[in-house]
Amino acid sequence: TRLDNVSLRIPPASLTAVVGPNGAGKTTLLQAIAGITPPPRGTVQ
């Protein structure tokens, strides 16, 4: 399980950092947001 029931809201015109240990899921989260790892319907707006 790379990401487990993750929810967050990023405001417009902001600079947000995702931090954590190696293997925590940072890249997986970004790739899901970007559609590189296609997210399930309704999970990424």
PDB file of all heavy atoms in Angstrom:
ATOM      1  N   THR A   1       0.866  -1.183   0.000  1.00  0.00           N
ATOM      2  CA  THR A   1       0.000   0.000   0.000  1.00  0.00           C
ATOM      3  C   THR A   1       0.900   1.230   0.000  1.00  0.00           C
ATOM      4  O   THR A   1       1.615   1.495   0.968  1.00  0.00           O
ATOM      5  CB  THR A   1      -0.916   0.016   1.232  1.00  0.00           C
ATOM      6  OG1 THR A   1      -1.751  -1.144   1.208  1.00  0.00           O
ATOM      7  CG2 THR A   1      -1.782   1.259   1.242  1.00  0.00           C
ATOM      8  N   ARG A   2       0.871   1.985  -1.101  1.00  0.00           N
ATOM      9  CA  ARG A   2       1.724   3.168  -1.227  1.00  0.00           C
ATOM     10  C   ARG A   2       1.084   4.388  -0.577  1.00  0.00           C
ATOM     11  O   ARG A   2       1.768   5.212   0.037  1.00  0.00           O
ATOM     12  CB  ARG A   2       1.981   3.455  -2.708  1.00  0.00           C
ATOM     13  CG  ARG A   2       2.635   2.304  -3.460  1.00  0.00           C
ATOM     14  CD  ARG A   2       4.062   2.125  -3.045  1.00  0.00           C
ATOM     15  NE  ARG A   2       4.732   1.106  -3.834  1.00  0.00           N
ATOM     16  CZ  ARG A   2       6.015   0.773  -3.699  1.00  0.00           C
ATOM     17  NH1 ARG A   2       6.752   1.390  -2.798  1.00  0.00           N
ATOM     18  NH2 ARG A   2       6.547  -0.162  -4.449  1.00  0.00           N
ATOM     19  N   LEU A   3      -0.221   4.550  -0.762  1.00  0.00           N
ATOM     20  CA  LEU A   3      -0.987   5.623  -0.124  1.00  0.00           C
ATOM     21  C   LEU A   3      -2.204   5.005   0.537  1.00  0.00           C
ATOM     22  O   LEU A   3      -2.880   4.156  -0.054  1.00  0.00           O
ATOM     23  CB  LEU A   3      -1.416   6.677  -1.139  1.00  0.00           C
ATOM     24  CG  LEU A   3      -0.314   7.494  -1.820  1.00  0.00           C
ATOM     25  CD1 LEU A   3      -0.922   8.424  -2.867  1.00  0.00           C
ATOM     26  CD2 LEU A   3       0.488   8.303  -0.803  1.00  0.00           C
ATOM     27  N   ASP A   4      -2.521   5.467   1.735  1.00  0.00           N
ATOM     28  CA  ASP A   4      -3.586   4.856   2.518  1.00  0.00           C
ATOM     29  C   ASP A   4      -4.597   5.923   2.936  1.00  0.00           C
ATOM     30  O   ASP A   4      -4.378   6.674   3.887  1.00  0.00           O
ATOM     31  CB  ASP A   4      -2.990   4.176   3.750  1.00  0.00           C
ATOM     32  CG  ASP A   4      -4.010   3.376   4.539  1.00  0.00           C
ATOM     33  OD1 ASP A   4      -5.171   3.278   4.100  1.00  0.00           O
ATOM     34  OD2 ASP A   4      -3.642   2.843   5.602  1.00  0.00           O
ATOM     35  N   ASN A   5      -5.696   6.040   2.172  1.00  0.00           N
ATOM     36  CA  ASN A   5      -6.813   6.914   2.519  1.00  0.00           C
ATOM     37  C   ASN A   5      -6.357   8.361   2.730  1.00  0.00           C
ATOM     38  O   ASN A   5      -6.667   9.001   3.724  1.00  0.00           O
ATOM     39  CB  ASN A   5      -7.518   6.395   3.773  1.00  0.00           C
ATOM     40  CG  ASN A   5      -8.892   7.015   3.948  1.00  0.00           C
ATOM     41  OD1 ASN A   5      -9.578   7.324   2.969  1.00  0.00           O
ATOM     42  ND2 ASN A   5      -9.292   7.211   5.191  1.00  0.00           N
ATOM     43  N   VAL A   6      -5.647   8.890   1.733  1.00  0.00           N
ATOM     44  CA  VAL A   6      -5.073  10.244   1.819  1.00  0.00           C
ATOM     45  C   VAL A   6      -6.085  11.278   1.355  1.00  0.00           C
ATOM     46  O   VAL A   6      -6.709  11.125   0.300  1.00  0.00           O
ATOM     47  CB  VAL A   6      -3.794  10.335   0.964  1.00  0.00           C
ATOM     48  CG1 VAL A   6      -3.375  11.780   0.765  1.00  0.00           C
ATOM     49  CG2 VAL A   6      -2.681   9.530   1.610  1.00  0.00           C
ATOM     50  N   SER A   7      -6.233  12.350   2.123  1.00  0.00           N
ATOM     51  CA  SER A   7      -7.082  13.485   1.750  1.00  0.00           C
ATOM     52  C   SER A   7      -6.336  14.780   2.058  1.00  0.00           C
ATOM     53  O   SER A   7      -5.704  14.902   3.120  1.00  0.00           O
ATOM     54  CB  SER A   7      -8.406  13.461   2.521  1.00  0.00           C
ATOM     55  OG  SER A   7      -9.163  12.312   2.207  1.00  0.00           O
ATOM     56  N   LEU A   8      -6.403  15.745   1.143  1.00  0.00           N
ATOM     57  CA  LEU A   8      -5.815  17.063   1.384  1.00  0.00           C
ATOM     58  C   LEU A   8      -6.390  18.055   0.401  1.00  0.00           C
ATOM     59  O   LEU A   8      -6.954  17.688  -0.629  1.00  0.00           O
ATOM     60  CB  LEU A   8      -4.285  17.031   1.255  1.00  0.00           C
ATOM     61  CG  LEU A   8      -3.668  16.922  -0.148  1.00  0.00           C
ATOM     62  CD1 LEU A   8      -2.308  17.596  -0.178  1.00  0.00           C
ATOM     63  CD2 LEU A   8      -3.544  15.479  -0.562  1.00  0.00           C
ATOM     64  N   ARG A   9      -6.235  19.342   0.737  1.00  0.00           N
ATOM     65  CA  ARG A   9      -6.715  20.447  -0.094  1.00  0.00           C
ATOM     66  C   ARG A   9      -5.589  21.459  -0.235  1.00  0.00           C
ATOM     67  O   ARG A   9      -5.056  21.949   0.755  1.00  0.00           O
ATOM     68  CB  ARG A   9      -7.945  21.109   0.554  1.00  0.00           C
ATOM     69  CG  ARG A   9      -9.175  20.197   0.616  1.00  0.00           C
ATOM     70  CD  ARG A   9     -10.161  20.669   1.684  1.00  0.00           C
ATOM     71  NE  ARG A   9     -10.736  21.969   1.379  1.00  0.00           N
ATOM     72  CZ  ARG A   9     -11.843  22.163   0.650  1.00  0.00           C
ATOM     73  NH1 ARG A   9     -12.474  21.121   0.125  1.00  0.00           N
ATOM     74  NH2 ARG A   9     -12.322  23.376   0.449  1.00  0.00           N
ATOM     75  N   ILE A  10      -5.215  21.756  -1.483  1.00  0.00           N
ATOM     76  CA  ILE A  10      -4.128  22.690  -1.765  1.00  0.00           C
ATOM     77  C   ILE A  10      -4.733  23.972  -2.315  1.00  0.00           C
ATOM     78  O   ILE A  10      -5.409  23.955  -3.350  1.00  0.00           O
ATOM     79  CB  ILE A  10      -3.133  22.100  -2.788  1.00  0.00           C
ATOM     80  CG1 ILE A  10      -2.596  20.749  -2.317  1.00  0.00           C
ATOM     81  CG2 ILE A  10      -2.004  23.089  -3.047  1.00  0.00           C
ATOM     82  CD1 ILE A  10      -1.819  20.812  -1.042  1.00  0.00           C
ATOM     83  N   PRO A  11      -4.531  25.105  -1.638  1.00  0.00           N
ATOM     84  CA  PRO A  11      -5.136  26.361  -2.103  1.00  0.00           C
ATOM     85  C   PRO A  11      -4.487  26.856  -3.391  1.00  0.00           C
ATOM     86  O   PRO A  11      -3.323  26.547  -3.678  1.00  0.00           O
ATOM     87  CB  PRO A  11      -4.869  27.325  -0.942  1.00  0.00           C
ATOM     88  CG  PRO A  11      -3.697  26.768  -0.236  1.00  0.00           C
ATOM     89  CD  PRO A  11      -3.771  25.282  -0.390  1.00  0.00           C
ATOM     90  N   PRO A  12      -5.225  27.620  -4.178  1.00  0.00           N
ATOM     91  CA  PRO A  12      -4.639  28.179  -5.408  1.00  0.00           C
ATOM     92  C   PRO A  12      -3.562  29.203  -5.082  1.00  0.00           C
ATOM     93  O   PRO A  12      -3.542  29.792  -3.995  1.00  0.00           O
ATOM     94  CB  PRO A  12      -5.843  28.833  -6.091  1.00  0.00           C
ATOM     95  CG  PRO A  12      -6.815  29.116  -4.994  1.00  0.00           C
ATOM     96  CD  PRO A  12      -6.632  28.028  -3.982  1.00  0.00           C
ATOM     97  N   ALA A  13      -2.661  29.387  -6.048  1.00  0.00           N
ATOM     98  CA  ALA A  13      -1.584  30.384  -5.930  1.00  0.00           C
ATOM     99  C   ALA A  13      -0.812  30.212  -4.627  1.00  0.00           C
ATOM    100  O   ALA A  13      -0.537  31.170  -3.908  1.00  0.00           O
ATOM    101  CB  ALA A  13      -2.154  31.794  -6.035  1.00  0.00           C
ATOM    102  N   SER A  14      -0.451  28.975  -4.319  1.00  0.00           N
ATOM    103  CA  SER A  14       0.324  28.683  -3.116  1.00  0.00           C
ATOM    104  C   SER A  14       1.504  27.796  -3.485  1.00  0.00           C
ATOM    105  O   SER A  14       1.527  27.175  -4.547  1.00  0.00           O
ATOM    106  CB  SER A  14      -0.543  27.981  -2.064  1.00  0.00           C
ATOM    107  OG  SER A  14      -1.006  26.723  -2.557  1.00  0.00           O
ATOM    108  N   LEU A  15       2.479  27.746  -2.577  1.00  0.00           N
ATOM    109  CA  LEU A  15       3.666  26.903  -2.752  1.00  0.00           C
ATOM    110  C   LEU A  15       3.675  25.906  -1.600  1.00  0.00           C
ATOM    111  O   LEU A  15       3.895  26.266  -0.445  1.00  0.00           O
ATOM    112  CB  LEU A  15       4.925  27.768  -2.749  1.00  0.00           C
ATOM    113  CG  LEU A  15       6.283  27.074  -2.940  1.00  0.00           C
ATOM    114  CD1 LEU A  15       6.285  26.192  -4.175  1.00  0.00           C
ATOM    115  CD2 LEU A  15       7.398  28.109  -3.022  1.00  0.00           C
ATOM    116  N   THR A  16       3.413  24.639  -1.921  1.00  0.00           N
ATOM    117  CA  THR A  16       3.245  23.590  -0.912  1.00  0.00           C
ATOM    118  C   THR A  16       4.337  22.548  -1.060  1.00  0.00           C
ATOM    119  O   THR A  16       4.659  22.120  -2.176  1.00  0.00           O
ATOM    120  CB  THR A  16       1.881  22.905  -1.063  1.00  0.00           C
ATOM    121  OG1 THR A  16       0.851  23.872  -0.866  1.00  0.00           O
ATOM    122  CG2 THR A  16       1.712  21.775  -0.054  1.00  0.00           C
ATOM    123  N   ALA A  17       4.913  22.128   0.064  1.00  0.00           N
ATOM    124  CA  ALA A  17       5.929  21.078   0.065  1.00  0.00           C
ATOM    125  C   ALA A  17       5.360  19.804   0.656  1.00  0.00           C
ATOM    126  O   ALA A  17       4.628  19.839   1.655  1.00  0.00           O
ATOM    127  CB  ALA A  17       7.145  21.519   0.878  1.00  0.00           C
ATOM    128  N   VAL A  18       5.704  18.681   0.041  1.00  0.00           N
ATOM    129  CA  VAL A  18       5.388  17.361   0.583  1.00  0.00           C
ATOM    130  C   VAL A  18       6.702  16.773   1.083  1.00  0.00           C
ATOM    131  O   VAL A  18       7.665  16.642   0.319  1.00  0.00           O
ATOM    132  CB  VAL A  18       4.759  16.444  -0.481  1.00  0.00           C
ATOM    133  CG1 VAL A  18       4.441  15.077   0.119  1.00  0.00           C
ATOM    134  CG2 VAL A  18       3.498  17.081  -1.054  1.00  0.00           C
ATOM    135  N   VAL A  19       6.757  16.444   2.368  1.00  0.00           N
ATOM    136  CA  VAL A  19       8.004  15.965   2.970  1.00  0.00           C
ATOM    137  C   VAL A  19       7.750  14.649   3.681  1.00  0.00           C
ATOM    138  O   VAL A  19       6.613  14.305   4.025  1.00  0.00           O
ATOM    139  CB  VAL A  19       8.583  16.995   3.962  1.00  0.00           C
ATOM    140  CG1 VAL A  19       8.858  18.321   3.271  1.00  0.00           C
ATOM    141  CG2 VAL A  19       7.663  17.197   5.159  1.00  0.00           C
ATOM    142  N   GLY A  20       8.820  13.923   3.926  1.00  0.00           N
ATOM    143  CA  GLY A  20       8.723  12.649   4.632  1.00  0.00           C
ATOM    144  C   GLY A  20       9.927  11.788   4.345  1.00  0.00           C
ATOM    145  O   GLY A  20      10.752  12.105   3.484  1.00  0.00           O
ATOM    146  N   PRO A  21      10.054  10.656   5.039  1.00  0.00           N
ATOM    147  CA  PRO A  21      11.203   9.771   4.818  1.00  0.00           C
ATOM    148  C   PRO A  21      11.158   9.143   3.428  1.00  0.00           C
ATOM    149  O   PRO A  21      10.129   9.153   2.742  1.00  0.00           O
ATOM    150  CB  PRO A  21      11.024   8.686   5.901  1.00  0.00           C
ATOM    151  CG  PRO A  21      10.006   9.219   6.850  1.00  0.00           C
ATOM    152  CD  PRO A  21       9.146  10.156   6.089  1.00  0.00           C
ATOM    153  N   ASN A  22      12.288   8.571   3.012  1.00  0.00           N
ATOM    154  CA  ASN A  22      12.313   7.817   1.767  1.00  0.00           C
ATOM    155  C   ASN A  22      11.297   6.686   1.832  1.00  0.00           C
ATOM    156  O   ASN A  22      11.195   5.982   2.832  1.00  0.00           O
ATOM    157  CB  ASN A  22      13.701   7.221   1.522  1.00  0.00           C
ATOM    158  CG  ASN A  22      14.735   8.284   1.211  1.00  0.00           C
ATOM    159  OD1 ASN A  22      15.735   8.390   1.905  1.00  0.00           O
ATOM    160  ND2 ASN A  22      14.502   9.066   0.189  1.00  0.00           N
ATOM    161  N   GLY A  23      10.533   6.518   0.749  1.00  0.00           N
ATOM    162  CA  GLY A  23       9.546   5.451   0.689  1.00  0.00           C
ATOM    163  C   GLY A  23       8.239   5.765   1.385  1.00  0.00           C
ATOM    164  O   GLY A  23       7.365   4.890   1.491  1.00  0.00           O
ATOM    165  N   ALA A  24       8.065   7.014   1.844  1.00  0.00           N
ATOM    166  CA  ALA A  24       6.845   7.368   2.572  1.00  0.00           C
ATOM    167  C   ALA A  24       5.634   7.481   1.664  1.00  0.00           C
ATOM    168  O   ALA A  24       4.491   7.357   2.127  1.00  0.00           O
ATOM    169  CB  ALA A  24       7.046   8.690   3.320  1.00  0.00           C
ATOM    170  N   GLY A  25       5.835   7.734   0.371  1.00  0.00           N
ATOM    171  CA  GLY A  25       4.720   7.891  -0.556  1.00  0.00           C
ATOM    172  C   GLY A  25       4.652   9.245  -1.214  1.00  0.00           C
ATOM    173  O   GLY A  25       3.669   9.566  -1.885  1.00  0.00           O
ATOM    174  N   LYS A  26       5.699  10.057  -1.083  1.00  0.00           N
ATOM    175  CA  LYS A  26       5.684  11.414  -1.639  1.00  0.00           C
ATOM    176  C   LYS A  26       5.534  11.397  -3.161  1.00  0.00           C
ATOM    177  O   LYS A  26       4.654  12.066  -3.719  1.00  0.00           O
ATOM    178  CB  LYS A  26       6.971  12.152  -1.239  1.00  0.00           C
ATOM    179  CG  LYS A  26       7.204  12.284   0.255  1.00  0.00           C
ATOM    180  CD  LYS A  26       8.444  13.082   0.571  1.00  0.00           C
ATOM    181  CE  LYS A  26       9.720  12.456   0.048  1.00  0.00           C
ATOM    182  NZ  LYS A  26      10.000  11.141   0.678  1.00  0.00           N
ATOM    183  N   THR A  27       6.403  10.638  -3.824  1.00  0.00           N
ATOM    184  CA  THR A  27       6.349  10.577  -5.287  1.00  0.00           C
ATOM    185  C   THR A  27       5.050   9.951  -5.756  1.00  0.00           C
ATOM    186  O   THR A  27       4.454  10.396  -6.749  1.00  0.00           O
ATOM    187  CB  THR A  27       7.552   9.791  -5.827  1.00  0.00           C
ATOM    188  OG1 THR A  27       8.760  10.506  -5.501  1.00  0.00           O
ATOM    189  CG2 THR A  27       7.475   9.617  -7.339  1.00  0.00           C
ATOM    190  N   THR A  28       4.569   8.935  -5.067  1.00  0.00           N
ATOM    191  CA  THR A  28       3.303   8.298  -5.434  1.00  0.00           C
ATOM    192  C   THR A  28       2.160   9.291  -5.376  1.00  0.00           C
ATOM    193  O   THR A  28       1.297   9.334  -6.269  1.00  0.00           O
ATOM    194  CB  THR A  28       3.012   7.107  -4.500  1.00  0.00           C
ATOM    195  OG1 THR A  28       4.097   6.178  -4.579  1.00  0.00           O
ATOM    196  CG2 THR A  28       1.721   6.409  -4.889  1.00  0.00           C
ATOM    197  N   LEU A  29       2.140  10.138  -4.334  1.00  0.00           N
ATOM    198  CA  LEU A  29       1.097  11.148  -4.208  1.00  0.00           C
ATOM    199  C   LEU A  29       1.169  12.140  -5.365  1.00  0.00           C
ATOM    200  O   LEU A  29       0.138  12.456  -5.991  1.00  0.00           O
ATOM    201  CB  LEU A  29       1.236  11.871  -2.869  1.00  0.00           C
ATOM    202  CG  LEU A  29       0.291  13.048  -2.631  1.00  0.00           C
ATOM    203  CD1 LEU A  29      -1.171  12.606  -2.705  1.00  0.00           C
ATOM    204  CD2 LEU A  29       0.589  13.722  -1.287  1.00  0.00           C
ATOM    205  N   LEU A  30       2.369  12.631  -5.666  1.00  0.00           N
ATOM    206  CA  LEU A  30       2.497  13.600  -6.747  1.00  0.00           C
ATOM    207  C   LEU A  30       2.105  12.989  -8.088  1.00  0.00           C
ATOM    208  O   LEU A  30       1.450  13.641  -8.911  1.00  0.00           O
ATOM    209  CB  LEU A  30       3.936  14.116  -6.824  1.00  0.00           C
ATOM    210  CG  LEU A  30       4.464  14.928  -5.640  1.00  0.00           C
ATOM    211  CD1 LEU A  30       5.776  15.600  -6.010  1.00  0.00           C
ATOM    212  CD2 LEU A  30       3.465  15.963  -5.166  1.00  0.00           C
ATOM    213  N   GLN A  31       2.495  11.747  -8.330  1.00  0.00           N
ATOM    214  CA  GLN A  31       2.172  11.109  -9.604  1.00  0.00           C
ATOM    215  C   GLN A  31       0.683  10.826  -9.729  1.00  0.00           C
ATOM    216  O   GLN A  31       0.133  10.862 -10.831  1.00  0.00           O
ATOM    217  CB  GLN A  31       2.993   9.836  -9.774  1.00  0.00           C
ATOM    218  CG  GLN A  31       4.470  10.111  -9.973  1.00  0.00           C
ATOM    219  CD  GLN A  31       5.273   8.870 -10.296  1.00  0.00           C
ATOM    220  OE1 GLN A  31       4.783   7.747 -10.174  1.00  0.00           O
ATOM    221  NE2 GLN A  31       6.520   9.046 -10.706  1.00  0.00           N
ATOM    222  N   ALA A  32       0.015  10.574  -8.622  1.00  0.00           N
ATOM    223  CA  ALA A  32      -1.439  10.398  -8.670  1.00  0.00           C
ATOM    224  C   ALA A  32      -2.131  11.722  -8.971  1.00  0.00           C
ATOM    225  O   ALA A  32      -3.087  11.779  -9.758  1.00  0.00           O
ATOM    226  CB  ALA A  32      -1.946   9.812  -7.348  1.00  0.00           C
ATOM    227  N   ILE A  33      -1.659  12.801  -8.365  1.00  0.00           N
ATOM    228  CA  ILE A  33      -2.219  14.131  -8.646  1.00  0.00           C
ATOM    229  C   ILE A  33      -2.030  14.481 -10.114  1.00  0.00           C
ATOM    230  O   ILE A  33      -2.932  15.048 -10.755  1.00  0.00           O
ATOM    231  CB  ILE A  33      -1.564  15.188  -7.735  1.00  0.00           C
ATOM    232  CG1 ILE A  33      -2.015  14.987  -6.276  1.00  0.00           C
ATOM    233  CG2 ILE A  33      -1.906  16.599  -8.201  1.00  0.00           C
ATOM    234  CD1 ILE A  33      -1.288  15.866  -5.284  1.00  0.00           C
ATOM    235  N   ALA A  34      -0.867  14.124 -10.665  1.00  0.00           N
ATOM    236  CA  ALA A  34      -0.550  14.476 -12.048  1.00  0.00           C
ATOM    237  C   ALA A  34      -1.146  13.514 -13.064  1.00  0.00           C
ATOM    238  O   ALA A  34      -1.036  13.756 -14.264  1.00  0.00           O
ATOM    239  CB  ALA A  34       0.959  14.537 -12.229  1.00  0.00           C
ATOM    240  N   GLY A  35      -1.749  12.419 -12.600  1.00  0.00           N
ATOM    241  CA  GLY A  35      -2.341  11.461 -13.522  1.00  0.00           C
ATOM    242  C   GLY A  35      -1.345  10.479 -14.102  1.00  0.00           C
ATOM    243  O   GLY A  35      -1.711   9.662 -14.958  1.00  0.00           O
ATOM    244  N   ILE A  36      -0.083  10.515 -13.667  1.00  0.00           N
ATOM    245  CA  ILE A  36       0.903   9.552 -14.152  1.00  0.00           C
ATOM    246  C   ILE A  36       0.564   8.167 -13.626  1.00  0.00           C
ATOM    247  O   ILE A  36       0.646   7.171 -14.357  1.00  0.00           O
ATOM    248  CB  ILE A  36       2.315   9.984 -13.730  1.00  0.00           C
ATOM    249  CG1 ILE A  36       2.663  11.310 -14.396  1.00  0.00           C
ATOM    250  CG2 ILE A  36       3.344   8.918 -14.075  1.00  0.00           C
ATOM    251  CD1 ILE A  36       3.911  11.947 -13.872  1.00  0.00           C
ATOM    252  N   THR A  37       0.190   8.107 -12.364  1.00  0.00           N
ATOM    253  CA  THR A  37      -0.473   6.924 -11.813  1.00  0.00           C
ATOM    254  C   THR A  37      -1.958   7.262 -11.782  1.00  0.00           C
ATOM    255  O   THR A  37      -2.398   8.045 -10.926  1.00  0.00           O
ATOM    256  CB  THR A  37       0.026   6.621 -10.386  1.00  0.00           C
ATOM    257  OG1 THR A  37       1.431   6.399 -10.414  1.00  0.00           O
ATOM    258  CG2 THR A  37      -0.678   5.389  -9.828  1.00  0.00           C
ATOM    259  N   PRO A  38      -2.760   6.750 -12.739  1.00  0.00           N
ATOM    260  CA  PRO A  38      -4.157   7.190 -12.844  1.00  0.00           C
ATOM    261  C   PRO A  38      -4.931   6.977 -11.542  1.00  0.00           C
ATOM    262  O   PRO A  38      -5.008   5.859 -11.033  1.00  0.00           O
ATOM    263  CB  PRO A  38      -4.713   6.302 -13.969  1.00  0.00           C
ATOM    264  CG  PRO A  38      -3.500   5.905 -14.769  1.00  0.00           C
ATOM    265  CD  PRO A  38      -2.402   5.769 -13.777  1.00  0.00           C
ATOM    266  N   PRO A  39      -5.467   8.048 -10.973  1.00  0.00           N
ATOM    267  CA  PRO A  39      -6.218   7.907  -9.716  1.00  0.00           C
ATOM    268  C   PRO A  39      -7.630   7.393  -9.980  1.00  0.00           C
ATOM    269  O   PRO A  39      -8.174   7.609 -11.072  1.00  0.00           O
ATOM    270  CB  PRO A  39      -6.253   9.338  -9.182  1.00  0.00           C
ATOM    271  CG  PRO A  39      -6.248  10.186 -10.422  1.00  0.00           C
ATOM    272  CD  PRO A  39      -5.406   9.445 -11.431  1.00  0.00           C
ATOM    273  N   PRO A  40      -8.250   6.712  -9.019  1.00  0.00           N
ATOM    274  CA  PRO A  40      -9.655   6.316  -9.181  1.00  0.00           C
ATOM    275  C   PRO A  40     -10.547   7.541  -9.340  1.00  0.00           C
ATOM    276  O   PRO A  40     -10.222   8.643  -8.875  1.00  0.00           O
ATOM    277  CB  PRO A  40      -9.959   5.568  -7.883  1.00  0.00           C
ATOM    278  CG  PRO A  40      -8.626   5.160  -7.338  1.00  0.00           C
ATOM    279  CD  PRO A  40      -7.673   6.237  -7.753  1.00  0.00           C
ATOM    280  N   ARG A  41     -11.664   7.365 -10.006  1.00  0.00           N
ATOM    281  CA  ARG A  41     -12.608   8.470 -10.193  1.00  0.00           C
ATOM    282  C   ARG A  41     -13.019   9.058  -8.845  1.00  0.00           C
ATOM    283  O   ARG A  41     -13.252   8.343  -7.888  1.00  0.00           O
ATOM    284  CB  ARG A  41     -13.863   7.993 -10.934  1.00  0.00           C
ATOM    285  CG  ARG A  41     -13.663   7.807 -12.427  1.00  0.00           C
ATOM    286  CD  ARG A  41     -14.946   7.281 -13.085  1.00  0.00           C
ATOM    287  NE  ARG A  41     -14.778   7.162 -14.530  1.00  0.00           N
ATOM    288  CZ  ARG A  41     -15.177   8.078 -15.391  1.00  0.00           C
ATOM    289  NH1 ARG A  41     -15.771   9.184 -14.954  1.00  0.00           N
ATOM    290  NH2 ARG A  41     -14.998   7.899 -16.689  1.00  0.00           N
ATOM    291  N   GLY A  42     -13.072  10.381  -8.832  1.00  0.00           N
ATOM    292  CA  GLY A  42     -13.548  11.085  -7.653  1.00  0.00           C
ATOM    293  C   GLY A  42     -12.514  11.309  -6.578  1.00  0.00           C
ATOM    294  O   GLY A  42     -12.811  11.950  -5.561  1.00  0.00           O
ATOM    295  N   THR A  43     -11.262  10.825  -6.772  1.00  0.00           N
ATOM    296  CA  THR A  43     -10.266  10.953  -5.700  1.00  0.00           C
ATOM    297  C   THR A  43      -9.343  12.155  -5.876  1.00  0.00           C
ATOM    298  O   THR A  43      -8.747  12.623  -4.909  1.00  0.00           O
ATOM    299  CB  THR A  43      -9.401   9.685  -5.604  1.00  0.00           C
ATOM    300  OG1 THR A  43      -8.782   9.440  -6.873  1.00  0.00           O
ATOM    301  CG2 THR A  43     -10.248   8.484  -5.203  1.00  0.00           C
ATOM    302  N   VAL A  44      -9.198  12.663  -7.099  1.00  0.00           N
ATOM    303  CA  VAL A  44      -8.332  13.818  -7.350  1.00  0.00           C
ATOM    304  C   VAL A  44      -9.091  14.835  -8.197  1.00  0.00           C
ATOM    305  O   VAL A  44      -9.546  14.520  -9.301  1.00  0.00           O
ATOM    306  CB  VAL A  44      -7.035  13.420  -8.075  1.00  0.00           C
ATOM    307  CG1 VAL A  44      -6.211  14.671  -8.401  1.00  0.00           C
ATOM    308  CG2 VAL A  44      -6.207  12.467  -7.217  1.00  0.00           C
ATOM    309  N   GLN A  45      -9.225  16.051  -7.659  1.00  0.00           N
ATOM    310  CA  GLN A  45      -9.878  17.146  -8.367  1.00  0.00           C
ATOM    311  C   GLN A  45      -8.835  18.218  -8.687  1.00  0.00           C
ATOM    312  O   GLN A  45      -8.076  18.636  -7.808  1.00  0.00           O
ATOM    313  CB  GLN A  45     -10.983  17.769  -7.496  1.00  0.00           C
ATOM    314  CG  GLN A  45     -12.078  16.807  -7.076  1.00  0.00           C
ATOM    315  CD  GLN A  45     -13.097  16.601  -8.183  1.00  0.00           C
ATOM    316  OE1 GLN A  45     -13.429  17.536  -8.906  1.00  0.00           O
ATOM    317  NE2 GLN A  45     -13.598  15.379  -8.292  1.00  0.00           N
TER     318      GLN A  45
END
